Amino acid sequence: MTIIPFAPIERVIRNAGAQRVSESAGMALTAILEEYGLEISREAIKLAEHAGRKTVKAEDINLAKEMLGK
């Protein structure tokens, strides 16, 4: 199940310089970005909970990204 629609992914690839984007390329990048996003989100949730919050803030996302070395 994908969360991110094809159109924004296609725009990302086109903004990187591609003239055409196959559906399989868009789906492959979608899978990678969604897994990356879930990994960072899981860590950010742990950080927010550790700080005694239920709300995930941008600082949690940024710190999680740094902690995961991404």
N, C-alpha and C. Protein backbone atom coordinates (compact mmCIF):
# COMPACT_ATOMS: atom_id res chain seq x y z
N MET A 1 0.84 -1.19 0.00
CA MET A 1 0.00 0.00 0.00
C MET A 1 0.88 1.25 0.00
N THR A 2 0.64 2.13 -0.94
CA THR A 2 1.40 3.37 -0.97
C THR A 2 0.58 4.49 -0.35
N ILE A 3 1.29 5.40 0.26
CA ILE A 3 0.67 6.55 0.90
C ILE A 3 0.82 7.79 0.01
N ILE A 4 1.97 7.90 -0.62
CA ILE A 4 2.29 9.07 -1.45
C ILE A 4 1.80 8.81 -2.88
N PRO A 5 1.00 9.72 -3.45
CA PRO A 5 0.53 9.54 -4.83
C PRO A 5 1.68 9.66 -5.84
N PHE A 6 1.46 9.09 -7.03
CA PHE A 6 2.48 9.08 -8.08
C PHE A 6 2.85 10.49 -8.56
N ALA A 7 1.86 11.38 -8.73
CA ALA A 7 2.11 12.70 -9.32
C ALA A 7 3.20 13.50 -8.60
N PRO A 8 3.17 13.62 -7.26
CA PRO A 8 4.24 14.39 -6.62
C PRO A 8 5.61 13.72 -6.75
N ILE A 9 5.62 12.40 -6.78
CA ILE A 9 6.88 11.69 -6.95
C ILE A 9 7.43 11.93 -8.35
N GLU A 10 6.52 11.90 -9.32
CA GLU A 10 6.92 12.19 -10.70
C GLU A 10 7.51 13.60 -10.81
N ARG A 11 6.89 14.56 -10.12
CA ARG A 11 7.41 15.94 -10.14
C ARG A 11 8.80 16.01 -9.53
N VAL A 12 9.03 15.28 -8.46
CA VAL A 12 10.36 15.26 -7.83
C VAL A 12 11.40 14.75 -8.83
N ILE A 13 11.08 13.66 -9.50
CA ILE A 13 12.03 13.09 -10.47
C ILE A 13 12.24 14.04 -11.64
N ARG A 14 11.15 14.66 -12.10
CA ARG A 14 11.29 15.63 -13.21
C ARG A 14 12.09 16.86 -12.77
N ASN A 15 11.89 17.31 -11.54
CA ASN A 15 12.66 18.45 -11.03
C ASN A 15 14.14 18.13 -10.93
N ALA A 16 14.45 16.84 -10.81
CA ALA A 16 15.85 16.41 -10.78
C ALA A 16 16.45 16.36 -12.17
N GLY A 17 15.61 16.52 -13.21
CA GLY A 17 16.12 16.61 -14.57
C GLY A 17 15.59 15.58 -15.55
N ALA A 18 14.76 14.63 -15.11
CA ALA A 18 14.24 13.62 -16.03
C ALA A 18 13.21 14.23 -16.97
N GLN A 19 13.24 13.81 -18.22
CA GLN A 19 12.24 14.26 -19.18
C GLN A 19 10.98 13.41 -19.09
N ARG A 20 11.17 12.11 -18.85
CA ARG A 20 10.05 11.20 -18.73
C ARG A 20 10.29 10.31 -17.52
N VAL A 21 9.19 9.86 -16.91
CA VAL A 21 9.28 9.02 -15.71
C VAL A 21 8.34 7.84 -15.87
N SER A 22 8.89 6.63 -15.79
CA SER A 22 8.04 5.45 -15.89
C SER A 22 7.29 5.24 -14.58
N GLU A 23 6.17 4.55 -14.68
CA GLU A 23 5.39 4.26 -13.48
C GLU A 23 6.21 3.42 -12.50
N SER A 24 7.00 2.48 -13.02
CA SER A 24 7.80 1.63 -12.13
C SER A 24 8.87 2.44 -11.40
N ALA A 25 9.44 3.44 -12.06
CA ALA A 25 10.42 4.30 -11.40
C ALA A 25 9.76 5.10 -10.29
N GLY A 26 8.59 5.63 -10.55
CA GLY A 26 7.85 6.38 -9.54
C GLY A 26 7.47 5.51 -8.36
N MET A 27 7.05 4.28 -8.65
CA MET A 27 6.68 3.37 -7.57
C MET A 27 7.89 2.97 -6.74
N ALA A 28 9.03 2.79 -7.39
CA ALA A 28 10.25 2.42 -6.67
C ALA A 28 10.68 3.54 -5.73
N LEU A 29 10.66 4.78 -6.23
CA LEU A 29 11.04 5.92 -5.38
C LEU A 29 10.01 6.11 -4.27
N THR A 30 8.74 5.90 -4.57
CA THR A 30 7.70 6.01 -3.55
C THR A 30 7.96 5.05 -2.41
N ALA A 31 8.27 3.80 -2.73
CA ALA A 31 8.54 2.79 -1.70
C ALA A 31 9.72 3.19 -0.83
N ILE A 32 10.78 3.69 -1.46
CA ILE A 32 11.98 4.10 -0.72
C ILE A 32 11.66 5.28 0.20
N LEU A 33 10.98 6.29 -0.33
CA LEU A 33 10.67 7.48 0.47
C LEU A 33 9.71 7.18 1.61
N GLU A 34 8.75 6.29 1.36
CA GLU A 34 7.81 5.95 2.42
C GLU A 34 8.51 5.18 3.54
N GLU A 35 9.39 4.26 3.19
CA GLU A 35 10.12 3.51 4.22
C GLU A 35 11.02 4.45 5.02
N TYR A 36 11.69 5.35 4.33
CA TYR A 36 12.55 6.35 4.97
C TYR A 36 11.73 7.22 5.91
N GLY A 37 10.57 7.67 5.45
CA GLY A 37 9.70 8.51 6.26
C GLY A 37 9.17 7.79 7.49
N LEU A 38 8.81 6.52 7.32
CA LEU A 38 8.32 5.74 8.46
C LEU A 38 9.41 5.52 9.50
N GLU A 39 10.61 5.25 9.03
CA GLU A 39 11.74 5.03 9.93
C GLU A 39 12.01 6.29 10.77
N ILE A 40 12.07 7.42 10.12
CA ILE A 40 12.30 8.68 10.82
C ILE A 40 11.13 8.99 11.75
N SER A 41 9.91 8.76 11.28
CA SER A 41 8.72 9.04 12.10
C SER A 41 8.69 8.19 13.36
N ARG A 42 9.03 6.92 13.25
CA ARG A 42 9.05 6.05 14.43
C ARG A 42 10.03 6.56 15.47
N GLU A 43 11.20 6.97 15.01
CA GLU A 43 12.21 7.49 15.95
C GLU A 43 11.75 8.82 16.54
N ALA A 44 11.13 9.66 15.73
CA ALA A 44 10.64 10.96 16.21
C ALA A 44 9.55 10.77 17.27
N ILE A 45 8.71 9.77 17.10
CA ILE A 45 7.67 9.48 18.09
C ILE A 45 8.31 9.10 19.41
N LYS A 46 9.34 8.27 19.37
CA LYS A 46 10.06 7.89 20.59
C LYS A 46 10.64 9.12 21.28
N LEU A 47 11.20 10.03 20.49
CA LEU A 47 11.79 11.25 21.06
C LEU A 47 10.72 12.12 21.71
N ALA A 48 9.58 12.28 21.07
CA ALA A 48 8.49 13.08 21.63
C ALA A 48 7.99 12.45 22.93
N GLU A 49 7.82 11.12 22.93
CA GLU A 49 7.36 10.44 24.14
C GLU A 49 8.38 10.58 25.26
N HIS A 50 9.65 10.49 24.94
CA HIS A 50 10.71 10.65 25.94
C HIS A 50 10.67 12.06 26.55
N ALA A 51 10.28 13.03 25.75
CA ALA A 51 10.17 14.41 26.23
C ALA A 51 8.84 14.66 26.94
N GLY A 52 8.02 13.62 27.07
CA GLY A 52 6.73 13.75 27.75
C GLY A 52 5.64 14.38 26.91
N ARG A 53 5.78 14.30 25.59
CA ARG A 53 4.79 14.88 24.69
C ARG A 53 4.12 13.81 23.85
N LYS A 54 2.89 14.09 23.44
CA LYS A 54 2.19 13.25 22.47
C LYS A 54 2.35 13.82 21.07
N THR A 55 2.70 15.10 21.01
CA THR A 55 2.83 15.79 19.73
C THR A 55 4.26 15.68 19.21
N VAL A 56 4.40 15.22 17.98
CA VAL A 56 5.70 15.17 17.32
C VAL A 56 5.96 16.53 16.71
N LYS A 57 7.10 17.12 17.04
CA LYS A 57 7.47 18.44 16.52
C LYS A 57 8.56 18.31 15.46
N ALA A 58 8.77 19.39 14.74
CA ALA A 58 9.81 19.42 13.71
C ALA A 58 11.17 19.08 14.31
N GLU A 59 11.41 19.54 15.51
CA GLU A 59 12.70 19.26 16.16
C GLU A 59 12.89 17.75 16.37
N ASP A 60 11.80 17.02 16.63
CA ASP A 60 11.88 15.57 16.79
C ASP A 60 12.25 14.91 15.46
N ILE A 61 11.62 15.37 14.40
CA ILE A 61 11.90 14.84 13.06
C ILE A 61 13.36 15.10 12.69
N ASN A 62 13.82 16.33 12.91
CA ASN A 62 15.19 16.68 12.56
C ASN A 62 16.21 15.91 13.38
N LEU A 63 15.95 15.75 14.67
CA LEU A 63 16.86 15.00 15.53
C LEU A 63 16.85 13.52 15.15
N ALA A 64 15.69 12.97 14.85
CA ALA A 64 15.60 11.58 14.44
C ALA A 64 16.40 11.36 13.16
N LYS A 65 16.31 12.28 12.22
CA LYS A 65 17.06 12.20 10.98
C LYS A 65 18.55 12.17 11.26
N GLU A 66 19.01 13.04 12.13
CA GLU A 66 20.42 13.08 12.50
C GLU A 66 20.85 11.79 13.19
N MET A 67 20.02 11.32 14.11
CA MET A 67 20.33 10.11 14.87
C MET A 67 20.44 8.89 13.97
N LEU A 68 19.62 8.84 12.95
CA LEU A 68 19.63 7.71 12.02
C LEU A 68 20.68 7.86 10.93
N GLY A 69 21.35 9.02 10.92
CA GLY A 69 22.40 9.25 9.94
C GLY A 69 21.90 9.36 8.51
N LYS A 70 20.70 9.88 8.37
CA LYS A 70 20.09 9.99 7.04
C LYS A 70 20.16 11.40 6.51
